[in-house]
């Protein structure tokens, strides 16, 4: 499925809908260049799960845990991992199997650790269509 948005609010709303539909153990991968709206989408996903605390990118901590919604959200940003073994050290498998919702930014860097069944989300810009235009592709695999 491909969705086009023209504002951060619309991108967030797509995340909200994904969060409302998310189920225990669901894994989302989130790809897109810097500045495409990955954090905005993630904030919407958290809102859709009923999480009220502020959501930011966990760039320097690898994983940020958000609880208090109908399901916990495990937000991974693996952009800065130096070695795939770092994912084992932070308990990546534990989070995937813990019944929450996992969202992994830059998932292509840890492809071999991802479960075969997941929802892949790609956010792309097209400046010819406007500064705030985004094309969001959502695909269930596995």
Protein backbone atom coordinates (compact mmCIF):
# COMPACT_ATOMS: atom_id res chain seq x y z
CA UNK A 1 0.00 0.00 0.00
CA UNK A 2 1.32 3.47 -0.86
CA UNK A 3 0.00 6.62 0.80
CA UNK A 4 0.88 10.20 -0.07
CA UNK A 5 0.91 12.91 2.60
CA UNK A 6 1.45 16.64 2.34
CA UNK A 7 2.13 17.67 5.93
CA UNK A 8 3.75 16.32 9.09
CA UNK A 9 0.26 16.10 10.61
CA UNK A 10 -0.88 13.76 7.82
CA UNK A 11 2.25 11.62 8.22
CA UNK A 12 1.61 11.43 11.95
CA UNK A 13 -2.00 10.42 11.31
CA UNK A 14 -0.79 7.44 9.23
CA UNK A 15 1.32 6.43 12.24
CA UNK A 16 -1.70 6.78 14.55
CA UNK A 17 -3.71 4.42 12.35
CA UNK A 18 -0.84 1.91 12.32
CA UNK A 19 -0.65 2.08 16.11
CA UNK A 20 -4.38 1.53 16.52
CA UNK A 21 -4.17 -1.58 14.30
CA UNK A 22 -0.93 -2.95 15.83
CA UNK A 23 -1.01 -6.28 17.63
CA UNK A 24 1.22 -7.86 20.31
CA UNK A 25 4.56 -8.94 18.91
CA UNK A 26 4.24 -6.88 15.74
CA UNK A 27 7.51 -5.65 14.25
CA UNK A 28 7.68 -2.56 12.07
CA UNK A 29 10.78 -1.59 10.14
CA UNK A 30 11.09 2.06 9.20
CA UNK A 31 13.31 3.26 6.37
CA UNK A 32 13.90 6.70 4.93
CA UNK A 33 16.58 9.30 4.56
CA UNK A 34 17.29 11.77 7.35
CA UNK A 35 14.50 14.31 7.60
CA UNK A 36 11.80 12.28 5.89
CA UNK A 37 9.54 12.08 8.94
CA UNK A 38 10.47 8.79 10.61
CA UNK A 39 10.19 10.35 14.07
CA UNK A 40 6.87 12.02 13.19
CA UNK A 41 5.50 8.65 12.04
CA UNK A 42 6.79 6.99 15.22
CA UNK A 43 5.15 9.66 17.38
CA UNK A 44 1.88 8.86 15.65
CA UNK A 45 2.38 5.13 16.14
CA UNK A 46 2.90 5.71 19.87
CA UNK A 47 -0.21 7.89 20.01
CA UNK A 48 -2.20 5.14 18.29
CA UNK A 49 -1.01 2.73 20.98
CA UNK A 50 -2.24 5.14 23.66
CA UNK A 51 1.24 6.20 24.80
CA UNK A 52 1.15 9.75 26.13
CA UNK A 53 4.79 10.45 26.94
CA UNK A 54 6.92 12.40 24.44
CA UNK A 55 8.61 10.25 21.79
CA UNK A 56 12.00 11.13 20.33
CA UNK A 57 14.60 9.30 18.30
CA UNK A 58 16.75 6.96 20.43
CA UNK A 59 19.81 7.63 18.24
CA UNK A 60 22.33 7.50 21.08
CA UNK A 61 20.70 4.75 23.17
CA UNK A 62 19.74 2.19 20.46
CA UNK A 63 16.40 1.42 22.17
CA UNK A 64 13.82 3.54 23.93
CA UNK A 65 10.97 1.82 25.78
CA UNK A 66 7.56 3.47 26.03
CA UNK A 67 4.90 1.98 28.27
CA UNK A 68 1.53 3.16 29.48
CA UNK A 69 -0.42 2.42 26.30
CA UNK A 70 -2.42 -0.65 25.38
CA UNK A 71 0.91 -2.24 24.32
CA UNK A 72 4.49 -1.19 25.05
CA UNK A 73 6.51 0.30 22.21
CA UNK A 74 10.17 -0.66 21.73
CA UNK A 75 11.71 1.98 19.47
CA UNK A 76 15.09 1.01 18.03
CA UNK A 77 17.40 3.26 16.04
CA UNK A 78 20.29 1.13 14.79
CA UNK A 79 21.92 3.80 12.61
CA UNK A 80 24.98 4.05 14.86
CA UNK A 81 25.59 0.41 15.77
CA UNK A 82 29.16 -0.58 15.10
CA UNK A 83 28.65 -4.33 15.25
CA UNK A 84 25.56 -6.49 15.03
CA UNK A 85 26.50 -8.05 18.38
CA UNK A 86 25.44 -4.76 20.01
CA UNK A 87 21.86 -5.77 19.28
CA UNK A 88 22.31 -8.92 21.34
CA UNK A 89 23.76 -6.83 24.17
CA UNK A 90 20.66 -4.59 24.32
CA UNK A 91 18.39 -7.65 24.32
CA UNK A 92 16.90 -7.22 20.85
CA UNK A 93 15.44 -10.75 20.77
CA UNK A 94 13.89 -10.28 24.21
CA UNK A 95 12.03 -7.18 23.03
CA UNK A 96 10.78 -8.90 19.88
CA UNK A 97 9.37 -11.78 21.93
CA UNK A 98 7.97 -9.69 24.80
CA UNK A 99 4.49 -9.04 23.38
CA UNK A 100 4.94 -5.36 22.67
CA UNK A 101 5.28 -3.51 19.38
CA UNK A 102 8.81 -3.08 18.02
CA UNK A 103 9.76 -0.36 15.56
CA UNK A 104 13.25 -0.54 14.05
CA UNK A 105 14.71 2.45 12.21
CA UNK A 106 17.55 1.70 9.73
CA UNK A 107 16.58 -1.98 9.89
CA UNK A 108 18.59 -2.76 6.75
CA UNK A 109 21.71 -2.61 8.96
CA UNK A 110 20.53 -5.63 10.98
CA UNK A 111 18.63 -7.49 8.26
CA UNK A 112 19.82 -10.90 9.44
CA UNK A 113 18.31 -10.35 12.91
CA UNK A 114 14.85 -9.33 11.73
CA UNK A 115 11.96 -11.77 11.96
CA UNK A 116 10.66 -13.00 8.60
CA UNK A 117 7.17 -11.69 9.42
CA UNK A 118 7.15 -7.91 9.75
CA UNK A 119 5.66 -4.71 8.40
CA UNK A 120 8.11 -2.69 6.31
CA UNK A 121 7.50 1.05 6.07
CA UNK A 122 9.44 3.31 3.73
CA UNK A 123 9.08 7.10 3.77
CA UNK A 124 10.35 9.08 0.79
CA UNK A 125 10.45 12.76 -0.12
CA UNK A 126 9.87 14.23 -3.56
CA UNK A 127 10.75 17.92 -3.48
CA UNK A 128 9.17 18.43 -6.90
CA UNK A 129 5.83 17.70 -5.23
CA UNK A 130 6.48 20.06 -2.31
CA UNK A 131 8.65 20.38 0.78
CA UNK A 132 6.21 18.47 3.01
CA UNK A 133 5.22 15.81 0.47
CA UNK A 134 5.91 12.22 1.56
CA UNK A 135 5.27 8.88 -0.11
CA UNK A 136 4.76 6.21 2.54
CA UNK A 137 4.91 2.59 1.43
CA UNK A 138 3.63 -0.03 3.87
CA UNK A 139 4.17 -3.70 3.09
CA UNK A 140 3.56 -6.80 5.20
CA UNK A 141 6.21 -9.43 4.51
CA UNK A 142 6.55 -13.03 5.62
